Every structure is written in C-alpha cells, then in structure tokens.
Amino acid sequence: MIALVVAVVSEAGWAATWHVAITKDNLTLRGDGPGVTIIGPEVLPPPPPSFEYHGISVTFVYATTLTIRDLQIEHVRKGVFGVCPDLLVENCAFADIVENGLQLSNPSAQTGSELVRY
C-alpha cells in the first residue's frame, strides 16, 4: 500500500492541474473508505476551477492498468480523468464535483454502478 500526501501540483508537459497524477503502471490506489480517505481541497476554489482541474488523472502514456478503490474525491471539476486501457473503480464516492465524477476515454473501464456513488 502507498501512502499519499495530496497537494495540487503542476508539471511541465501536463496540461492539467490535479491532486493525484498516476505515473506508475499496475498500481492500486486504495483508501480506508469514502468519507475517511478524501482526495481534493477542503472547499471548491472560487470561481469554479478550470476545465482541467482533476482529482485523479491517469493516461496510458504512464499507466495501462489502475485500480482505484475505497476513497472519496471532492471539490474538483473532474473526479477521475482516465485514459487507461484497464481501469477499475470500486467503492468510491464523488462529492461537490463540478462536471464529471468519472471521465473515462476508454471502453474497457469498469465501474459497477453499485460501487461508484455520486
């Protein structure tokens, strides 16, 4: 298990601002449960954040397999922005999301409706 210190970062070469950028393949990002492990700022920044303000961002350039489970993402424009061939999201909650809880650009992403709550 990997412990995360979540902070907004910006890096040359990325067009977005995010809280967690996945740059390792075959990773499981696991929390202690929605409402316990929370990714995102304490409040939504005014005015509403830019189009590319994500909670978790992953792209196939860095990772082709990712599992996200047992956490909550809040106060961002997009909760999970995923361009990842094998993405599984389980038991995650999204709160105060401006645009999308999940924006997935791949048909194989798995999200059971009983597992992902908005």
Protein backbone atom coordinates (compact mmCIF):
# COMPACT_ATOMS: atom_id res chain seq x y z
CA MET A 1 0.00 0.00 0.00
CA ILE A 2 1.21 3.52 -0.81
CA ALA A 3 0.51 6.47 1.48
CA LEU A 4 -0.21 9.72 -0.34
CA VAL A 5 0.37 13.30 0.63
CA VAL A 6 -2.09 15.08 -1.61
CA ALA A 7 -1.25 18.52 -2.95
CA VAL A 8 -2.06 20.41 -6.10
CA VAL A 9 0.89 20.12 -8.42
CA SER A 10 1.68 21.39 -11.85
CA GLU A 11 4.43 19.95 -14.01
CA ALA A 12 5.77 20.89 -17.43
CA GLY A 13 4.33 18.59 -20.05
CA TRP A 14 0.95 18.15 -18.34
CA ALA A 15 -1.89 20.36 -19.45
CA ALA A 16 -3.88 19.89 -16.25
CA THR A 17 -3.78 20.70 -12.59
CA TRP A 18 -4.51 17.65 -10.48
CA HIS A 19 -4.31 16.35 -6.95
CA VAL A 20 -3.02 12.85 -7.77
CA ALA A 21 -1.24 12.10 -11.04
CA ILE A 22 -0.66 8.42 -11.70
CA THR A 23 2.73 7.83 -13.33
CA LYS A 24 3.26 4.16 -12.40
CA ASP A 25 1.72 1.20 -14.16
CA ASN A 26 -0.18 -1.62 -12.45
CA LEU A 27 -1.00 0.39 -9.32
CA THR A 28 -3.81 0.12 -6.77
CA LEU A 29 -4.81 3.39 -5.15
CA ARG A 30 -6.69 2.30 -2.02
CA GLY A 31 -8.15 4.34 0.80
CA ASP A 32 -9.84 3.42 4.07
CA GLY A 33 -13.28 4.16 2.63
CA PRO A 34 -15.35 7.07 1.31
CA GLY A 35 -15.59 9.80 3.91
CA VAL A 36 -12.36 8.58 5.51
CA THR A 37 -9.84 8.92 2.68
CA ILE A 38 -10.61 12.10 0.75
CA ILE A 39 -8.80 13.49 -2.28
CA GLY A 40 -9.39 17.14 -3.12
CA PRO A 41 -9.33 20.53 -1.43
CA GLU A 42 -11.48 21.27 1.61
CA VAL A 43 -13.63 23.65 -0.45
CA LEU A 44 -14.21 24.22 -4.15
CA PRO A 45 -11.95 27.12 -5.19
CA PRO A 46 -13.80 30.19 -6.47
CA PRO A 47 -14.56 30.77 -9.26
CA PRO A 48 -15.23 27.19 -10.35
CA PRO A 49 -11.91 25.56 -11.24
CA SER A 50 -10.53 25.38 -14.75
CA PHE A 51 -11.60 22.74 -17.25
CA GLU A 52 -8.57 20.59 -16.45
CA TYR A 53 -8.79 20.56 -12.62
CA HIS A 54 -8.88 16.84 -11.66
CA GLY A 55 -8.87 14.76 -8.51
CA ILE A 56 -7.03 11.81 -10.09
CA SER A 57 -5.53 11.85 -13.56
CA VAL A 58 -4.16 8.83 -15.42
CA THR A 59 -3.10 8.36 -19.02
CA PHE A 60 -1.92 5.28 -20.90
CA VAL A 61 1.42 7.01 -21.57
CA TYR A 62 2.26 6.26 -17.92
CA ALA A 63 -0.14 3.50 -16.86
CA THR A 64 -2.23 0.91 -18.65
CA THR A 65 -3.60 -0.78 -15.51
CA LEU A 66 -5.01 1.08 -12.50
CA THR A 67 -7.40 0.19 -9.67
CA ILE A 68 -8.96 2.93 -7.54
CA ARG A 69 -10.98 1.81 -4.52
CA ASP A 70 -12.36 2.82 -1.15
CA LEU A 71 -11.97 6.60 -1.29
CA GLN A 72 -13.80 9.86 -1.90
CA ILE A 73 -12.97 12.63 -4.35
CA GLU A 74 -14.43 16.08 -3.85
CA HIS A 75 -14.31 19.77 -4.79
CA VAL A 76 -12.77 19.39 -8.24
CA ARG A 77 -14.06 19.76 -11.80
CA LYS A 78 -13.50 16.08 -12.71
CA GLY A 79 -13.10 13.36 -10.11
CA VAL A 80 -11.20 10.81 -12.20
CA PHE A 81 -9.91 11.62 -15.65
CA GLY A 82 -8.83 8.33 -17.15
CA VAL A 83 -7.30 7.39 -20.47
CA CYS A 84 -6.19 3.98 -19.28
CA PRO A 85 -6.98 0.68 -21.03
CA ASP A 86 -7.58 -1.27 -17.80
CA LEU A 87 -9.16 0.97 -15.15
CA LEU A 88 -11.28 -0.35 -12.27
CA VAL A 89 -13.07 2.00 -9.86
CA GLU A 90 -14.70 0.38 -6.80
CA ASN A 91 -16.47 1.76 -3.72
CA CYS A 92 -15.66 5.40 -4.46
CA ALA A 93 -17.78 8.45 -3.74
CA PHE A 94 -17.76 11.82 -5.51
CA ALA A 95 -18.95 14.98 -3.73
CA ASP A 96 -19.30 18.55 -4.99
CA ILE A 97 -17.87 17.70 -8.41
CA VAL A 98 -18.35 20.49 -10.96
CA GLU A 99 -18.51 18.45 -14.16
CA ASN A 100 -17.96 14.66 -14.01
CA GLY A 101 -17.21 12.18 -11.28
CA LEU A 102 -15.65 9.93 -13.89
CA GLN A 103 -14.50 10.97 -17.33
CA LEU A 104 -13.25 7.84 -19.00
CA SER A 105 -11.88 7.77 -22.51
CA ASN A 106 -11.66 4.01 -22.84
CA PRO A 107 -14.37 1.41 -23.34
CA SER A 108 -12.82 -1.21 -21.05
CA ALA A 109 -13.01 0.84 -17.85
CA GLN A 110 -15.07 -0.97 -15.22
CA THR A 111 -17.35 0.80 -12.81
CA GLY A 112 -20.15 -1.11 -11.17
CA SER A 113 -22.99 1.35 -10.52
CA GLU A 114 -23.39 -0.10 -7.03
CA LEU A 115 -19.73 0.61 -6.37
CA VAL A 116 -19.43 4.21 -7.54
CA ARG A 117 -21.54 6.80 -5.74
CA TYR A 118 -22.10 10.43 -6.75
